[in-house]
Amino acid sequence: MFFFFVGGLEQQVIQVLKSGLGRCINCNSRADLVEYEKVLKLFFVPVWRWPGKEHLMHCKNCKLFFPQDLSFPPPKIDSSSAPVSEALRCRFCDRLVEPEFRFCPFCGSAI
């Protein structure tokens, strides 16, 4: 007799508390301060949910959860240099890109 078991534990965002509060430690894109919950799934069906202990930072780009004290500070944007810096940044991963590039060398999206 064989018993086949498929299950897992994952974290899901309940509510965004502050948007764009820091930078992701993995991909350097913007990260939000969120309230989250842990979910136990059996055969891809949520069975049990319980709240997380503390608020975490969550990156929408790479789906990473990490503590707020590990986050990089958000970038400071001067109002005089904002149009120039936005033209040289990828809109998806928010990294600096050379002006002659048509595609982002980091995430591959069109600029």
C-alpha atoms as a PDB file:
ATOM      1  CA  MET A   1       0.000   0.000   0.000  1.00  0.00           C
ATOM      2  CA  PHE A   2       1.346   3.380  -1.006  1.00  0.00           C
ATOM      3  CA  PHE A   3       0.444   6.723   0.457  1.00  0.00           C
ATOM      4  CA  PHE A   4       1.042   9.781  -1.695  1.00  0.00           C
ATOM      5  CA  PHE A   5       1.242  13.097   0.178  1.00  0.00           C
ATOM      6  CA  VAL A   6       1.478  16.579  -1.327  1.00  0.00           C
ATOM      7  CA  GLY A   7       1.612  19.496   1.047  1.00  0.00           C
ATOM      8  CA  GLY A   8       3.481  22.618   1.928  1.00  0.00           C
ATOM      9  CA  LEU A   9       3.771  25.704   4.052  1.00  0.00           C
ATOM     10  CA  GLU A  10       3.828  29.191   2.539  1.00  0.00           C
ATOM     11  CA  GLN A  11       3.483  32.820   3.559  1.00  0.00           C
ATOM     12  CA  GLN A  12       0.797  35.084   2.100  1.00  0.00           C
ATOM     13  CA  VAL A  13       0.292  38.838   2.355  1.00  0.00           C
ATOM     14  CA  ILE A  14      -2.816  39.880   4.295  1.00  0.00           C
ATOM     15  CA  GLN A  15      -2.446  43.665   4.150  1.00  0.00           C
ATOM     16  CA  VAL A  16       0.123  46.192   2.898  1.00  0.00           C
ATOM     17  CA  LEU A  17       0.899  48.559   5.771  1.00  0.00           C
ATOM     18  CA  LYS A  18       3.346  50.926   4.003  1.00  0.00           C
ATOM     19  CA  SER A  19       4.154  50.798   0.318  1.00  0.00           C
ATOM     20  CA  GLY A  20       7.714  51.345  -0.944  1.00  0.00           C
ATOM     21  CA  LEU A  21       9.223  51.574   2.534  1.00  0.00           C
ATOM     22  CA  GLY A  22      12.528  49.908   1.612  1.00  0.00           C
ATOM     23  CA  ARG A  23      14.526  47.956  -0.960  1.00  0.00           C
ATOM     24  CA  CYS A  24      14.640  44.198  -1.487  1.00  0.00           C
ATOM     25  CA  ILE A  25      17.788  42.433  -0.321  1.00  0.00           C
ATOM     26  CA  ASN A  26      17.587  40.017  -3.257  1.00  0.00           C
ATOM     27  CA  CYS A  27      16.693  42.045  -6.374  1.00  0.00           C
ATOM     28  CA  ASN A  28      16.990  45.657  -5.080  1.00  0.00           C
ATOM     29  CA  SER A  29      13.459  46.607  -6.184  1.00  0.00           C
ATOM     30  CA  ARG A  30      10.954  48.361  -3.941  1.00  0.00           C
ATOM     31  CA  ALA A  31       9.617  46.429  -0.963  1.00  0.00           C
ATOM     32  CA  ASP A  32       6.481  46.987   1.118  1.00  0.00           C
ATOM     33  CA  LEU A  33       5.924  46.571   4.839  1.00  0.00           C
ATOM     34  CA  VAL A  34       3.173  43.943   5.137  1.00  0.00           C
ATOM     35  CA  GLU A  35       1.138  41.956   7.593  1.00  0.00           C
ATOM     36  CA  TYR A  36       1.284  38.290   6.618  1.00  0.00           C
ATOM     37  CA  GLU A  37      -0.070  34.881   7.497  1.00  0.00           C
ATOM     38  CA  LYS A  38       1.300  31.357   7.227  1.00  0.00           C
ATOM     39  CA  VAL A  39      -0.788  28.829   5.306  1.00  0.00           C
ATOM     40  CA  LEU A  40      -0.599  25.039   5.474  1.00  0.00           C
ATOM     41  CA  LYS A  41      -1.731  23.430   2.215  1.00  0.00           C
ATOM     42  CA  LEU A  42      -2.565  19.796   1.563  1.00  0.00           C
ATOM     43  CA  PHE A  43      -2.976  18.821  -2.073  1.00  0.00           C
ATOM     44  CA  PHE A  44      -2.846  22.558  -2.967  1.00  0.00           C
ATOM     45  CA  VAL A  45      -5.884  23.359  -0.782  1.00  0.00           C
ATOM     46  CA  PRO A  46      -5.444  25.726   2.202  1.00  0.00           C
ATOM     47  CA  VAL A  47      -6.177  23.756   5.369  1.00  0.00           C
ATOM     48  CA  TRP A  48      -4.880  25.887   8.227  1.00  0.00           C
ATOM     49  CA  ARG A  49      -3.980  29.592   8.521  1.00  0.00           C
ATOM     50  CA  TRP A  50      -2.305  31.450  11.359  1.00  0.00           C
ATOM     51  CA  PRO A  51      -1.007  35.036  11.594  1.00  0.00           C
ATOM     52  CA  GLY A  52       2.675  35.906  11.469  1.00  0.00           C
ATOM     53  CA  LYS A  53       4.401  37.117  14.622  1.00  0.00           C
ATOM     54  CA  GLU A  54       5.754  40.425  13.310  1.00  0.00           C
ATOM     55  CA  HIS A  55       5.448  42.628  10.247  1.00  0.00           C
ATOM     56  CA  LEU A  56       7.802  41.789   7.370  1.00  0.00           C
ATOM     57  CA  MET A  57       9.039  43.419   4.200  1.00  0.00           C
ATOM     58  CA  HIS A  58       7.710  41.837   0.985  1.00  0.00           C
ATOM     59  CA  CYS A  59       9.096  42.248  -2.522  1.00  0.00           C
ATOM     60  CA  LYS A  60       6.484  41.979  -5.290  1.00  0.00           C
ATOM     61  CA  ASN A  61       9.169  41.353  -7.902  1.00  0.00           C
ATOM     62  CA  CYS A  62      10.837  38.237  -6.436  1.00  0.00           C
ATOM     63  CA  LYS A  63       8.134  37.350  -3.823  1.00  0.00           C
ATOM     64  CA  LEU A  64      10.660  37.394  -0.956  1.00  0.00           C
ATOM     65  CA  PHE A  65       9.681  37.989   2.683  1.00  0.00           C
ATOM     66  CA  PHE A  66      12.426  39.408   4.929  1.00  0.00           C
ATOM     67  CA  PRO A  67      12.725  41.335   8.237  1.00  0.00           C
ATOM     68  CA  GLN A  68      12.504  45.111   8.146  1.00  0.00           C
ATOM     69  CA  ASP A  69      15.929  45.600   9.745  1.00  0.00           C
ATOM     70  CA  LEU A  70      17.624  43.882   6.745  1.00  0.00           C
ATOM     71  CA  SER A  71      16.001  46.201   4.206  1.00  0.00           C
ATOM     72  CA  PHE A  72      18.010  48.807   2.302  1.00  0.00           C
ATOM     73  CA  PRO A  73      16.684  52.366   2.691  1.00  0.00           C
ATOM     74  CA  PRO A  74      14.508  53.681  -0.127  1.00  0.00           C
ATOM     75  CA  PRO A  75      16.306  55.844  -2.705  1.00  0.00           C
ATOM     76  CA  LYS A  76      16.255  59.604  -2.262  1.00  0.00           C
ATOM     77  CA  ILE A  77      14.936  61.354  -5.355  1.00  0.00           C
ATOM     78  CA  ASP A  78      15.712  65.020  -5.960  1.00  0.00           C
ATOM     79  CA  SER A  79      12.949  66.898  -7.739  1.00  0.00           C
ATOM     80  CA  SER A  80      15.479  68.519 -10.112  1.00  0.00           C
ATOM     81  CA  SER A  81      17.017  65.205 -11.269  1.00  0.00           C
ATOM     82  CA  ALA A  82      13.866  63.036 -11.242  1.00  0.00           C
ATOM     83  CA  PRO A  83      13.131  63.111 -15.014  1.00  0.00           C
ATOM     84  CA  VAL A  84      16.721  62.202 -15.871  1.00  0.00           C
ATOM     85  CA  SER A  85      16.979  59.384 -13.322  1.00  0.00           C
ATOM     86  CA  GLU A  86      13.600  57.886 -14.328  1.00  0.00           C
ATOM     87  CA  ALA A  87      14.687  57.717 -17.983  1.00  0.00           C
ATOM     88  CA  LEU A  88      17.773  55.732 -16.952  1.00  0.00           C
ATOM     89  CA  ARG A  89      15.980  53.259 -14.684  1.00  0.00           C
ATOM     90  CA  CYS A  90      14.168  50.046 -15.531  1.00  0.00           C
ATOM     91  CA  ARG A  91      10.498  50.424 -14.585  1.00  0.00           C
ATOM     92  CA  PHE A  92      10.238  46.770 -13.488  1.00  0.00           C
ATOM     93  CA  CYS A  93      13.374  46.076 -11.409  1.00  0.00           C
ATOM     94  CA  ASP A  94      14.168  49.774 -10.732  1.00  0.00           C
ATOM     95  CA  ARG A  95      17.891  49.421 -11.502  1.00  0.00           C
ATOM     96  CA  LEU A  96      20.051  51.901 -13.380  1.00  0.00           C
ATOM     97  CA  VAL A  97      20.346  51.133 -17.097  1.00  0.00           C
ATOM     98  CA  GLU A  98      22.681  52.602 -19.705  1.00  0.00           C
ATOM     99  CA  PRO A  99      20.824  55.030 -22.048  1.00  0.00           C
ATOM    100  CA  GLU A 100      21.719  53.088 -25.214  1.00  0.00           C
ATOM    101  CA  PHE A 101      20.125  49.837 -23.967  1.00  0.00           C
ATOM    102  CA  ARG A 102      16.677  48.896 -25.280  1.00  0.00           C
ATOM    103  CA  PHE A 103      16.262  46.007 -22.808  1.00  0.00           C
ATOM    104  CA  CYS A 104      17.184  45.814 -19.119  1.00  0.00           C
ATOM    105  CA  PRO A 105      20.306  43.674 -18.644  1.00  0.00           C
ATOM    106  CA  PHE A 106      19.110  42.601 -15.173  1.00  0.00           C
ATOM    107  CA  CYS A 107      15.493  41.485 -15.725  1.00  0.00           C
ATOM    108  CA  GLY A 108      15.245  41.425 -19.553  1.00  0.00           C
ATOM    109  CA  SER A 109      12.189  43.674 -19.835  1.00  0.00           C
ATOM    110  CA  ALA A 110      11.840  46.296 -22.580  1.00  0.00           C
ATOM    111  CA  ILE A 111      12.706  49.834 -21.531  1.00  0.00           C
END
